[in-house]
Amino acid sequence: MTRSRAEDPNVCGVTAAVAVIDGKWKTSLLWLLESGPHRPGELRRRLPGLSEKVLTHALREMESDGLVHREVHDVLPLKTVYSLTPFGRDLSEALAPLSHWGHRRLERLARSRPAS
């Protein structure tokens, strides 16, 4: 899905929302940032497999979409902290029912698998 879909007024609202969280890491980043502000290094440690380049790109897109706030503290070395904006919290709350549905789906799949 292209990022321009997130800004197209002629698409379904769900499509516009999914365009904003599209990608492997954004929902995980939202989930981590729900608990409070985090530094980029903390986020990378909590998400093994996430490269610094991909983290930076995802956070920049999320900042551009108004989901996260980037605060740079003027100390040496520079200290950067990311937190959810009120708009990002709204999205996180909107995704909660979808998360619950996903957990129910996983439980259902686990029950339907034959015991080994």
PDB file of N, CA and C in Angstrom:
ATOM      1  N   MET A   1       0.851  -1.169   0.000  1.00  0.00           N
ATOM      2  CA  MET A   1       0.000   0.000   0.000  1.00  0.00           C
ATOM      3  C   MET A   1       0.899   1.234   0.000  1.00  0.00           C
ATOM      4  N   THR A   2       0.530   2.201  -0.789  1.00  0.00           N
ATOM      5  CA  THR A   2       1.360   3.396  -0.872  1.00  0.00           C
ATOM      6  C   THR A   2       0.951   4.408   0.187  1.00  0.00           C
ATOM      7  N   ARG A   3       1.910   5.237   0.580  1.00  0.00           N
ATOM      8  CA  ARG A   3       1.639   6.258   1.593  1.00  0.00           C
ATOM      9  C   ARG A   3       0.620   7.266   1.085  1.00  0.00           C
ATOM     10  N   SER A   4       0.554   7.483  -0.214  1.00  0.00           N
ATOM     11  CA  SER A   4      -0.407   8.456  -0.740  1.00  0.00           C
ATOM     12  C   SER A   4      -1.843   8.029  -0.459  1.00  0.00           C
ATOM     13  N   ARG A   5      -2.072   6.719  -0.269  1.00  0.00           N
ATOM     14  CA  ARG A   5      -3.420   6.237   0.055  1.00  0.00           C
ATOM     15  C   ARG A   5      -3.882   6.781   1.402  1.00  0.00           C
ATOM     16  N   ALA A   6      -2.941   7.074   2.285  1.00  0.00           N
ATOM     17  CA  ALA A   6      -3.296   7.593   3.606  1.00  0.00           C
ATOM     18  C   ALA A   6      -3.828   9.013   3.515  1.00  0.00           C
ATOM     19  N   GLU A   7      -3.590   9.670   2.400  1.00  0.00           N
ATOM     20  CA  GLU A   7      -4.009  11.063   2.238  1.00  0.00           C
ATOM     21  C   GLU A   7      -5.092  11.241   1.179  1.00  0.00           C
ATOM     22  N   ASP A   8      -5.507  10.164   0.536  1.00  0.00           N
ATOM     23  CA  ASP A   8      -6.512  10.231  -0.519  1.00  0.00           C
ATOM     24  C   ASP A   8      -7.898  10.322   0.111  1.00  0.00           C
ATOM     25  N   PRO A   9      -8.612  11.441  -0.094  1.00  0.00           N
ATOM     26  CA  PRO A   9      -9.928  11.592   0.534  1.00  0.00           C
ATOM     27  C   PRO A   9     -10.990  10.666  -0.059  1.00  0.00           C
ATOM     28  N   ASN A  10     -10.668   9.982  -1.163  1.00  0.00           N
ATOM     29  CA  ASN A  10     -11.649   9.133  -1.824  1.00  0.00           C
ATOM     30  C   ASN A  10     -11.499   7.651  -1.488  1.00  0.00           C
ATOM     31  N   VAL A  11     -10.743   7.332  -0.443  1.00  0.00           N
ATOM     32  CA  VAL A  11     -10.612   5.928  -0.050  1.00  0.00           C
ATOM     33  C   VAL A  11     -11.403   5.681   1.231  1.00  0.00           C
ATOM     34  N   CYS A  12     -11.647   4.434   1.479  1.00  0.00           N
ATOM     35  CA  CYS A  12     -12.316   4.008   2.708  1.00  0.00           C
ATOM     36  C   CYS A  12     -11.486   4.452   3.913  1.00  0.00           C
ATOM     37  N   GLY A  13     -12.131   4.807   4.997  1.00  0.00           N
ATOM     38  CA  GLY A  13     -11.424   5.242   6.203  1.00  0.00           C
ATOM     39  C   GLY A  13     -10.493   4.175   6.748  1.00  0.00           C
ATOM     40  N   VAL A  14     -10.899   2.913   6.649  1.00  0.00           N
ATOM     41  CA  VAL A  14     -10.041   1.827   7.126  1.00  0.00           C
ATOM     42  C   VAL A  14      -8.770   1.766   6.288  1.00  0.00           C
ATOM     43  N   THR A  15      -8.907   1.941   4.987  1.00  0.00           N
ATOM     44  CA  THR A  15      -7.735   1.947   4.099  1.00  0.00           C
ATOM     45  C   THR A  15      -6.790   3.077   4.476  1.00  0.00           C
ATOM     46  N   ALA A  16      -7.336   4.255   4.769  1.00  0.00           N
ATOM     47  CA  ALA A  16      -6.503   5.388   5.164  1.00  0.00           C
ATOM     48  C   ALA A  16      -5.795   5.113   6.489  1.00  0.00           C
ATOM     49  N   ALA A  17      -6.478   4.454   7.412  1.00  0.00           N
ATOM     50  CA  ALA A  17      -5.866   4.130   8.705  1.00  0.00           C
ATOM     51  C   ALA A  17      -4.782   3.069   8.540  1.00  0.00           C
ATOM     52  N   VAL A  18      -5.061   2.033   7.771  1.00  0.00           N
ATOM     53  CA  VAL A  18      -4.099   0.957   7.570  1.00  0.00           C
ATOM     54  C   VAL A  18      -2.855   1.479   6.852  1.00  0.00           C
ATOM     55  N   ALA A  19      -3.018   2.432   5.961  1.00  0.00           N
ATOM     56  CA  ALA A  19      -1.867   3.007   5.261  1.00  0.00           C
ATOM     57  C   ALA A  19      -0.900   3.661   6.249  1.00  0.00           C
ATOM     58  N   VAL A  20      -1.418   4.195   7.334  1.00  0.00           N
ATOM     59  CA  VAL A  20      -0.580   4.865   8.329  1.00  0.00           C
ATOM     60  C   VAL A  20       0.194   3.862   9.186  1.00  0.00           C
ATOM     61  N   ILE A  21      -0.372   2.683   9.413  1.00  0.00           N
ATOM     62  CA  ILE A  21       0.302   1.683  10.250  1.00  0.00           C
ATOM     63  C   ILE A  21       0.904   0.559   9.424  1.00  0.00           C
ATOM     64  N   ASP A  22       0.881   0.712   8.107  1.00  0.00           N
ATOM     65  CA  ASP A  22       1.408  -0.323   7.224  1.00  0.00           C
ATOM     66  C   ASP A  22       2.896  -0.519   7.474  1.00  0.00           C
ATOM     67  N   GLY A  23       3.330  -1.736   7.422  1.00  0.00           N
ATOM     68  CA  GLY A  23       4.730  -2.060   7.634  1.00  0.00           C
ATOM     69  C   GLY A  23       4.880  -3.034   8.774  1.00  0.00           C
ATOM     70  N   LYS A  24       6.034  -3.617   8.861  1.00  0.00           N
ATOM     71  CA  LYS A  24       6.275  -4.673   9.839  1.00  0.00           C
ATOM     72  C   LYS A  24       6.362  -4.163  11.278  1.00  0.00           C
ATOM     73  N   TRP A  25       6.817  -2.927  11.485  1.00  0.00           N
ATOM     74  CA  TRP A  25       7.189  -2.495  12.831  1.00  0.00           C
ATOM     75  C   TRP A  25       6.283  -1.443  13.471  1.00  0.00           C
ATOM     76  N   LYS A  26       5.466  -0.757  12.689  1.00  0.00           N
ATOM     77  CA  LYS A  26       4.740   0.391  13.246  1.00  0.00           C
ATOM     78  C   LYS A  26       3.757   0.012  14.350  1.00  0.00           C
ATOM     79  N   THR A  27       3.047  -1.088  14.192  1.00  0.00           N
ATOM     80  CA  THR A  27       2.109  -1.456  15.262  1.00  0.00           C
ATOM     81  C   THR A  27       2.868  -1.842  16.527  1.00  0.00           C
ATOM     82  N   SER A  28       4.012  -2.493  16.377  1.00  0.00           N
ATOM     83  CA  SER A  28       4.828  -2.833  17.550  1.00  0.00           C
ATOM     84  C   SER A  28       5.362  -1.577  18.218  1.00  0.00           C
ATOM     85  N   LEU A  29       5.763  -0.599  17.420  1.00  0.00           N
ATOM     86  CA  LEU A  29       6.247   0.667  17.974  1.00  0.00           C
ATOM     87  C   LEU A  29       5.122   1.395  18.719  1.00  0.00           C
ATOM     88  N   LEU A  30       3.933   1.416  18.136  1.00  0.00           N
ATOM     89  CA  LEU A  30       2.785   2.018  18.830  1.00  0.00           C
ATOM     90  C   LEU A  30       2.552   1.331  20.164  1.00  0.00           C
ATOM     91  N   TRP A  31       2.598   0.010  20.155  1.00  0.00           N
ATOM     92  CA  TRP A  31       2.361  -0.775  21.364  1.00  0.00           C
ATOM     93  C   TRP A  31       3.391  -0.438  22.443  1.00  0.00           C
ATOM     94  N   LEU A  32       4.665  -0.344  22.057  1.00  0.00           N
ATOM     95  CA  LEU A  32       5.710  -0.012  23.033  1.00  0.00           C
ATOM     96  C   LEU A  32       5.560   1.412  23.556  1.00  0.00           C
ATOM     97  N   LEU A  33       5.232   2.333  22.670  1.00  0.00           N
ATOM     98  CA  LEU A  33       5.125   3.732  23.072  1.00  0.00           C
ATOM     99  C   LEU A  33       3.880   4.008  23.911  1.00  0.00           C
ATOM    100  N   GLU A  34       2.923   3.078  23.920  1.00  0.00           N
ATOM    101  CA  GLU A  34       1.754   3.232  24.798  1.00  0.00           C
ATOM    102  C   GLU A  34       2.171   3.309  26.256  1.00  0.00           C
ATOM    103  N   SER A  35       3.258   2.614  26.594  1.00  0.00           N
ATOM    104  CA  SER A  35       3.687   2.565  27.994  1.00  0.00           C
ATOM    105  C   SER A  35       4.446   3.809  28.425  1.00  0.00           C
ATOM    106  N   GLY A  36       4.756   4.696  27.484  1.00  0.00           N
ATOM    107  CA  GLY A  36       5.455   5.925  27.826  1.00  0.00           C
ATOM    108  C   GLY A  36       6.585   6.212  26.856  1.00  0.00           C
ATOM    109  N   PRO A  37       7.270   7.335  27.058  1.00  0.00           N
ATOM    110  CA  PRO A  37       8.355   7.731  26.159  1.00  0.00           C
ATOM    111  C   PRO A  37       9.499   6.721  26.164  1.00  0.00           C
ATOM    112  N   HIS A  38      10.126   6.577  25.008  1.00  0.00           N
ATOM    113  CA  HIS A  38      11.271   5.683  24.856  1.00  0.00           C
ATOM    114  C   HIS A  38      12.335   6.342  23.985  1.00  0.00           C
ATOM    115  N   ARG A  39      13.563   6.011  24.295  1.00  0.00           N
ATOM    116  CA  ARG A  39      14.679   6.407  23.434  1.00  0.00           C
ATOM    117  C   ARG A  39      14.794   5.380  22.315  1.00  0.00           C
ATOM    118  N   PRO A  40      15.357   5.777  21.178  1.00  0.00           N
ATOM    119  CA  PRO A  40      15.473   4.851  20.043  1.00  0.00           C
ATOM    120  C   PRO A  40      16.207   3.554  20.396  1.00  0.00           C
ATOM    121  N   GLY A  41      17.266   3.641  21.175  1.00  0.00           N
ATOM    122  CA  GLY A  41      18.006   2.446  21.556  1.00  0.00           C
ATOM    123  C   GLY A  41      17.153   1.468  22.350  1.00  0.00           C
ATOM    124  N   GLU A  42      16.280   2.001  23.207  1.00  0.00           N
ATOM    125  CA  GLU A  42      15.372   1.147  23.984  1.00  0.00           C
ATOM    126  C   GLU A  42      14.405   0.423  23.054  1.00  0.00           C
ATOM    127  N   LEU A  43      13.896   1.162  22.085  1.00  0.00           N
ATOM    128  CA  LEU A  43      12.958   0.558  21.137  1.00  0.00           C
ATOM    129  C   LEU A  43      13.631  -0.566  20.355  1.00  0.00           C
ATOM    130  N   ARG A  44      14.862  -0.342  19.911  1.00  0.00           N
ATOM    131  CA  ARG A  44      15.582  -1.380  19.165  1.00  0.00           C
ATOM    132  C   ARG A  44      15.848  -2.606  20.018  1.00  0.00           C
ATOM    133  N   ARG A  45      16.198  -2.413  21.277  1.00  0.00           N
ATOM    134  CA  ARG A  45      16.443  -3.561  22.166  1.00  0.00           C
ATOM    135  C   ARG A  45      15.174  -4.362  22.399  1.00  0.00           C
ATOM    136  N   ARG A  46      14.046  -3.689  22.451  1.00  0.00           N
ATOM    137  CA  ARG A  46      12.770  -4.371  22.708  1.00  0.00           C
ATOM    138  C   ARG A  46      12.214  -5.064  21.469  1.00  0.00           C
ATOM    139  N   LEU A  47      12.751  -4.709  20.293  1.00  0.00           N
ATOM    140  CA  LEU A  47      12.275  -5.299  19.034  1.00  0.00           C
ATOM    141  C   LEU A  47      13.448  -5.900  18.262  1.00  0.00           C
ATOM    142  N   PRO A  48      13.886  -7.088  18.659  1.00  0.00           N
ATOM    143  CA  PRO A  48      15.007  -7.722  17.959  1.00  0.00           C
ATOM    144  C   PRO A  48      14.701  -7.869  16.468  1.00  0.00           C
ATOM    145  N   GLY A  49      15.702  -7.600  15.665  1.00  0.00           N
ATOM    146  CA  GLY A  49      15.529  -7.685  14.220  1.00  0.00           C
ATOM    147  C   GLY A  49      15.241  -6.348  13.564  1.00  0.00           C
ATOM    148  N   LEU A  50      14.938  -5.345  14.367  1.00  0.00           N
ATOM    149  CA  LEU A  50      14.659  -4.005  13.847  1.00  0.00           C
ATOM    150  C   LEU A  50      15.977  -3.251  13.710  1.00  0.00           C
ATOM    151  N   SER A  51      16.324  -2.891  12.486  1.00  0.00           N
ATOM    152  CA  SER A  51      17.578  -2.165  12.263  1.00  0.00           C
ATOM    153  C   SER A  51      17.401  -0.688  12.604  1.00  0.00           C
ATOM    154  N   GLU A  52      18.518  -0.032  12.836  1.00  0.00           N
ATOM    155  CA  GLU A  52      18.475   1.400  13.149  1.00  0.00           C
ATOM    156  C   GLU A  52      17.885   2.189  11.991  1.00  0.00           C
ATOM    157  N   LYS A  53      18.246   1.813  10.767  1.00  0.00           N
ATOM    158  CA  LYS A  53      17.753   2.512   9.574  1.00  0.00           C
ATOM    159  C   LYS A  53      16.228   2.389   9.460  1.00  0.00           C
ATOM    160  N   VAL A  54      15.712   1.188   9.640  1.00  0.00           N
ATOM    161  CA  VAL A  54      14.270   0.963   9.529  1.00  0.00           C
ATOM    162  C   VAL A  54      13.542   1.654  10.685  1.00  0.00           C
ATOM    163  N   LEU A  55      14.110   1.598  11.885  1.00  0.00           N
ATOM    164  CA  LEU A  55      13.510   2.281  13.031  1.00  0.00           C
ATOM    165  C   LEU A  55      13.408   3.776  12.760  1.00  0.00           C
ATOM    166  N   THR A  56      14.489   4.371  12.298  1.00  0.00           N
ATOM    167  CA  THR A  56      14.503   5.808  12.012  1.00  0.00           C
ATOM    168  C   THR A  56      13.453   6.154  10.962  1.00  0.00           C
ATOM    169  N   HIS A  57      13.386   5.348   9.911  1.00  0.00           N
ATOM    170  CA  HIS A  57      12.414   5.601   8.841  1.00  0.00           C
ATOM    171  C   HIS A  57      10.974   5.498   9.365  1.00  0.00           C
ATOM    172  N   ALA A  58      10.694   4.445  10.136  1.00  0.00           N
ATOM    173  CA  ALA A  58       9.341   4.258  10.670  1.00  0.00           C
ATOM    174  C   ALA A  58       8.964   5.401  11.609  1.00  0.00           C
ATOM    175  N   LEU A  59       9.877   5.782  12.502  1.00  0.00           N
ATOM    176  CA  LEU A  59       9.581   6.868  13.435  1.00  0.00           C
ATOM    177  C   LEU A  59       9.388   8.196  12.717  1.00  0.00           C
ATOM    178  N   ARG A  60      10.157   8.443  11.676  1.00  0.00           N
ATOM    179  CA  ARG A  60       9.974   9.685  10.903  1.00  0.00           C
ATOM    180  C   ARG A  60       8.607   9.711  10.228  1.00  0.00           C
ATOM    181  N   GLU A  61       8.210   8.565   9.648  1.00  0.00           N
ATOM    182  CA  GLU A  61       6.888   8.510   9.025  1.00  0.00           C
ATOM    183  C   GLU A  61       5.792   8.700  10.071  1.00  0.00           C
ATOM    184  N   MET A  62       5.956   8.067  11.221  1.00  0.00           N
ATOM    185  CA  MET A  62       4.957   8.190  12.278  1.00  0.00           C
ATOM    186  C   MET A  62       4.896   9.620  12.819  1.00  0.00           C
ATOM    187  N   GLU A  63       6.044  10.271  12.862  1.00  0.00           N
ATOM    188  CA  GLU A  63       6.070  11.674  13.286  1.00  0.00           C
ATOM    189  C   GLU A  63       5.379  12.539  12.234  1.00  0.00           C
ATOM    190  N   SER A  64       5.662  12.277  10.978  1.00  0.00           N
ATOM    191  CA  SER A  64       5.036  13.016   9.888  1.00  0.00           C
ATOM    192  C   SER A  64       3.514  12.840   9.883  1.00  0.00           C
ATOM    193  N   ASP A  65       3.051  11.655  10.278  1.00  0.00           N
ATOM    194  CA  ASP A  65       1.615  11.376  10.335  1.00  0.00           C
ATOM    195  C   ASP A  65       0.968  11.881  11.615  1.00  0.00           C
ATOM    196  N   GLY A  66       1.773  12.466  12.511  1.00  0.00           N
ATOM    197  CA  GLY A  66       1.235  13.034  13.741  1.00  0.00           C
ATOM    198  C   GLY A  66       0.992  12.023  14.843  1.00  0.00           C
ATOM    199  N   LEU A  67       1.593  10.831  14.726  1.00  0.00           N
ATOM    200  CA  LEU A  67       1.375   9.782  15.722  1.00  0.00           C
ATOM    201  C   LEU A  67       2.365   9.850  16.875  1.00  0.00           C
ATOM    202  N   VAL A  68       3.590  10.269  16.588  1.00  0.00           N
ATOM    203  CA  VAL A  68       4.613  10.336  17.627  1.00  0.00           C
ATOM    204  C   VAL A  68       5.218  11.731  17.687  1.00  0.00           C
ATOM    205  N   HIS A  69       5.698  12.050  18.869  1.00  0.00           N
ATOM    206  CA  HIS A  69       6.398  13.312  19.108  1.00  0.00           C
ATOM    207  C   HIS A  69       7.867  12.986  19.352  1.00  0.00           C
ATOM    208  N   ARG A  70       8.726  13.713  18.700  1.00  0.00           N
ATOM    209  CA  ARG A  70      10.171  13.541  18.851  1.00  0.00           C
ATOM    210  C   ARG A  70      10.699  14.721  19.643  1.00  0.00           C
ATOM    211  N   GLU A  71      11.338  14.412  20.759  1.00  0.00           N
ATOM    212  CA  GLU A  71      11.905  15.465  21.600  1.00  0.00           C
ATOM    213  C   GLU A  71      13.404  15.249  21.699  1.00  0.00           C
ATOM    214  N   VAL A  72      14.159  16.286  21.335  1.00  0.00           N
ATOM    215  CA  VAL A  72      15.618  16.212  21.396  1.00  0.00           C
ATOM    216  C   VAL A  72      16.083  17.089  22.551  1.00  0.00           C
ATOM    217  N   HIS A  73      16.795  16.465  23.479  1.00  0.00           N
ATOM    218  CA  HIS A  73      17.335  17.196  24.625  1.00  0.00           C
ATOM    219  C   HIS A  73      18.740  17.673  24.267  1.00  0.00           C
ATOM    220  N   ASP A  74      19.011  18.923  24.548  1.00  0.00           N
ATOM    221  CA  ASP A  74      20.285  19.547  24.177  1.00  0.00           C
ATOM    222  C   ASP A  74      21.372  19.218  25.195  1.00  0.00           C
ATOM    223  N   VAL A  75      21.789  17.968  25.178  1.00  0.00           N
ATOM    224  CA  VAL A  75      22.896  17.511  26.021  1.00  0.00           C
ATOM    225  C   VAL A  75      23.859  16.752  25.107  1.00  0.00           C
ATOM    226  N   LEU A  76      25.049  16.535  25.584  1.00  0.00           N
ATOM    227  CA  LEU A  76      26.011  15.760  24.801  1.00  0.00           C
ATOM    228  C   LEU A  76      26.220  14.404  25.459  1.00  0.00           C
ATOM    229  N   PRO A  77      26.081  13.324  24.749  1.00  0.00           N
ATOM    230  CA  PRO A  77      25.543  13.251  23.389  1.00  0.00           C
ATOM    231  C   PRO A  77      24.048  13.599  23.386  1.00  0.00           C
ATOM    232  N   LEU A  78      23.539  13.975  22.186  1.00  0.00           N
ATOM    233  CA  LEU A  78      22.132  14.332  22.076  1.00  0.00           C
ATOM    234  C   LEU A  78      21.251  13.189  22.566  1.00  0.00           C
ATOM    235  N   LYS A  79      20.216  13.548  23.263  1.00  0.00           N
ATOM    236  CA  LYS A  79      19.268  12.553  23.782  1.00  0.00           C
ATOM    237  C   LYS A  79      17.932  12.779  23.087  1.00  0.00           C
ATOM    238  N   THR A  80      17.481  11.774  22.347  1.00  0.00           N
ATOM    239  CA  THR A  80      16.213  11.852  21.642  1.00  0.00           C
ATOM    240  C   THR A  80      15.225  10.908  22.304  1.00  0.00           C
ATOM    241  N   VAL A  81      14.010  11.387  22.502  1.00  0.00           N
ATOM    242  CA  VAL A  81      12.956  10.594  23.135  1.00  0.00           C
ATOM    243  C   VAL A  81      11.704  10.691  22.266  1.00  0.00           C
ATOM    244  N   TYR A  82      11.067   9.536  22.069  1.00  0.00           N
ATOM    245  CA  TYR A  82       9.819   9.485  21.295  1.00  0.00           C
ATOM    246  C   TYR A  82       8.671   9.135  22.227  1.00  0.00           C
ATOM    247  N   SER A  83       7.530   9.769  21.976  1.00  0.00           N
ATOM    248  CA  SER A  83       6.320   9.477  22.742  1.00  0.00           C
ATOM    249  C   SER A  83       5.123   9.589  21.808  1.00  0.00           C
ATOM    250  N   LEU A  84       4.007   9.009  22.224  1.00  0.00           N
ATOM    251  CA  LEU A  84       2.789   9.113  21.427  1.00  0.00           C
ATOM    252  C   LEU A  84       2.177  10.495  21.598  1.00  0.00           C
ATOM    253  N   THR A  85       1.650  11.008  20.522  1.00  0.00           N
ATOM    254  CA  THR A  85       0.858  12.238  20.572  1.00  0.00           C
ATOM    255  C   THR A  85      -0.568  11.846  20.960  1.00  0.00           C
ATOM    256  N   PRO A  86      -1.406  12.806  21.285  1.00  0.00           N
ATOM    257  CA  PRO A  86      -2.817  12.463  21.528  1.00  0.00           C
ATOM    258  C   PRO A  86      -3.454  11.752  20.318  1.00  0.00           C
ATOM    259  N   PHE A  87      -3.078  12.156  19.118  1.00  0.00           N
ATOM    260  CA  PHE A  87      -3.586  11.518  17.898  1.00  0.00           C
ATOM    261  C   PHE A  87      -3.094  10.070  17.813  1.00  0.00           C
ATOM    262  N   GLY A  88      -1.845   9.839  18.210  1.00  0.00           N
ATOM    263  CA  GLY A  88      -1.299   8.485  18.245  1.00  0.00           C
ATOM    264  C   GLY A  88      -1.994   7.626  19.286  1.00  0.00           C
ATOM    265  N   ARG A  89      -2.320   8.226  20.431  1.00  0.00           N
ATOM    266  CA  ARG A  89      -3.068   7.497  21.472  1.00  0.00           C
ATOM    267  C   ARG A  89      -4.467   7.128  20.965  1.00  0.00           C
ATOM    268  N   ASP A  90      -5.091   8.054  20.221  1.00  0.00           N
ATOM    269  CA  ASP A  90      -6.404   7.760  19.630  1.00  0.00           C
ATOM    270  C   ASP A  90      -6.311   6.538  18.717  1.00  0.00           C
ATOM    271  N   LEU A  91      -5.279   6.490  17.890  1.00  0.00           N
ATOM    272  CA  LEU A  91      -5.095   5.355  16.991  1.00  0.00           C
ATOM    273  C   LEU A  91      -4.868   4.073  17.785  1.00  0.00           C
ATOM    274  N   SER A  92      -4.052   4.153  18.801  1.00  0.00           N
ATOM    275  CA  SER A  92      -3.771   2.991  19.632  1.00  0.00           C
ATOM    276  C   SER A  92      -5.060   2.456  20.274  1.00  0.00           C
ATOM    277  N   GLU A  93      -5.886   3.353  20.768  1.00  0.00           N
ATOM    278  CA  GLU A  93      -7.163   2.946  21.359  1.00  0.00           C
ATOM    279  C   GLU A  93      -8.091   2.342  20.304  1.00  0.00           C
ATOM    280  N   ALA A  94      -8.061   2.908  19.103  1.00  0.00           N
ATOM    281  CA  ALA A  94      -8.899   2.383  18.024  1.00  0.00           C
ATOM    282  C   ALA A  94      -8.451   0.985  17.603  1.00  0.00           C
ATOM    283  N   LEU A  95      -7.169   0.703  17.741  1.00  0.00           N
ATOM    284  CA  LEU A  95      -6.638  -0.607  17.358  1.00  0.00           C
ATOM    285  C   LEU A  95      -6.856  -1.670  18.436  1.00  0.00           C
ATOM    286  N   ALA A  96      -7.194  -1.280  19.651  1.00  0.00           N
ATOM    287  CA  ALA A  96      -7.360  -2.242  20.753  1.00  0.00           C
ATOM    288  C   ALA A  96      -8.366  -3.342  20.421  1.00  0.00           C
ATOM    289  N   PRO A  97      -9.554  -3.030  19.887  1.00  0.00           N
ATOM    290  CA  PRO A  97     -10.480  -4.119  19.543  1.00  0.00           C
ATOM    291  C   PRO A  97      -9.909  -5.057  18.471  1.00  0.00           C
ATOM    292  N   LEU A  98      -9.163  -4.525  17.539  1.00  0.00           N
ATOM    293  CA  LEU A  98      -8.536  -5.367  16.523  1.00  0.00           C
ATOM    294  C   LEU A  98      -7.497  -6.281  17.156  1.00  0.00           C
ATOM    295  N   SER A  99      -6.769  -5.771  18.134  1.00  0.00           N
ATOM    296  CA  SER A  99      -5.796  -6.574  18.859  1.00  0.00           C
ATOM    297  C   SER A  99      -6.488  -7.716  19.607  1.00  0.00           C
ATOM    298  N   HIS A 100      -7.603  -7.412  20.261  1.00  0.00           N
ATOM    299  CA  HIS A 100      -8.353  -8.450  20.971  1.00  0.00           C
ATOM    300  C   HIS A 100      -8.845  -9.518  19.997  1.00  0.00           C
ATOM    301  N   TRP A 101      -9.325  -9.092  18.845  1.00  0.00           N
ATOM    302  CA  TRP A 101      -9.776 -10.026  17.822  1.00  0.00           C
ATOM    303  C   TRP A 101      -8.618 -10.916  17.383  1.00  0.00           C
ATOM    304  N   GLY A 102      -7.446 -10.324  17.200  1.00  0.00           N
ATOM    305  CA  GLY A 102      -6.276 -11.097  16.792  1.00  0.00           C
ATOM    306  C   GLY A 102      -5.889 -12.146  17.820  1.00  0.00           C
ATOM    307  N   HIS A 103      -5.971 -11.792  19.105  1.00  0.00           N
ATOM    308  CA  HIS A 103      -5.666 -12.766  20.162  1.00  0.00           C
ATOM    309  C   HIS A 103      -6.688 -13.907  20.163  1.00  0.00           C
ATOM    310  N   ARG A 104      -7.964 -13.571  19.953  1.00  0.00           N
ATOM    311  CA  ARG A 104      -8.991 -14.618  19.878  1.00  0.00           C
ATOM    312  C   ARG A 104      -8.738 -15.531  18.679  1.00  0.00           C
ATOM    313  N   ARG A 105      -8.310 -14.961  17.582  1.00  0.00           N
ATOM    314  CA  ARG A 105      -7.995 -15.765  16.392  1.00  0.00           C
ATOM    315  C   ARG A 105      -6.842 -16.721  16.681  1.00  0.00           C
ATOM    316  N   LEU A 106      -5.807 -16.216  17.334  1.00  0.00           N
ATOM    317  CA  LEU A 106      -4.667 -17.072  17.658  1.00  0.00           C
ATOM    318  C   LEU A 106      -5.074 -18.212  18.596  1.00  0.00           C
ATOM    319  N   GLU A 107      -5.927 -17.917  19.570  1.00  0.00           N
ATOM    320  CA  GLU A 107      -6.426 -18.961  20.477  1.00  0.00           C
ATOM    321  C   GLU A 107      -7.230 -20.001  19.707  1.00  0.00           C
ATOM    322  N   ARG A 108      -8.046 -19.538  18.794  1.00  0.00           N
ATOM    323  CA  ARG A 108      -8.859 -20.439  17.971  1.00  0.00           C
ATOM    324  C   ARG A 108      -7.969 -21.336  17.119  1.00  0.00           C
ATOM    325  N   LEU A 109      -6.945 -20.763  16.523  1.00  0.00           N
ATOM    326  CA  LEU A 109      -6.003 -21.558  15.723  1.00  0.00           C
ATOM    327  C   LEU A 109      -5.296 -22.596  16.586  1.00  0.00           C
ATOM    328  N   ALA A 110      -4.893 -22.206  17.789  1.00  0.00           N
ATOM    329  CA  ALA A 110      -4.197 -23.126  18.686  1.00  0.00           C
ATOM    330  C   ALA A 110      -5.119 -24.299  19.072  1.00  0.00           C
ATOM    331  N   ARG A 111      -6.393 -24.032  19.301  1.00  0.00           N
ATOM    332  CA  ARG A 111      -7.333 -25.087  19.663  1.00  0.00           C
ATOM    333  C   ARG A 111      -7.588 -26.043  18.497  1.00  0.00           C
ATOM    334  N   SER A 112      -7.527 -25.533  17.273  1.00  0.00           N
ATOM    335  CA  SER A 112      -7.844 -26.358  16.120  1.00  0.00           C
ATOM    336  C   SER A 112      -6.660 -27.193  15.631  1.00  0.00           C
ATOM    337  N   ARG A 113      -5.471 -26.920  16.122  1.00  0.00           N
ATOM    338  CA  ARG A 113      -4.299 -27.697  15.727  1.00  0.00           C
ATOM    339  C   ARG A 113      -4.309 -29.043  16.454  1.00  0.00           C
ATOM    340  N   PRO A 114      -3.966 -30.090  15.720  1.00  0.00           N
ATOM    341  CA  PRO A 114      -3.894 -31.399  16.401  1.00  0.00           C
ATOM    342  C   PRO A 114      -2.745 -31.414  17.407  1.00  0.00           C
ATOM    343  N   ALA A 115      -2.979 -32.086  18.512  1.00  0.00           N
ATOM    344  CA  ALA A 115      -1.924 -32.197  19.548  1.00  0.00           C
ATOM    345  C   ALA A 115      -0.809 -33.070  19.020  1.00  0.00           C
ATOM    346  N   SER A 116       0.445 -32.641  19.254  1.00  0.00           N
ATOM    347  CA  SER A 116       1.564 -33.452  18.771  1.00  0.00           C
ATOM    348  C   SER A 116       2.120 -34.323  19.838  1.00  0.00           C
TER     349      SER A 116
END
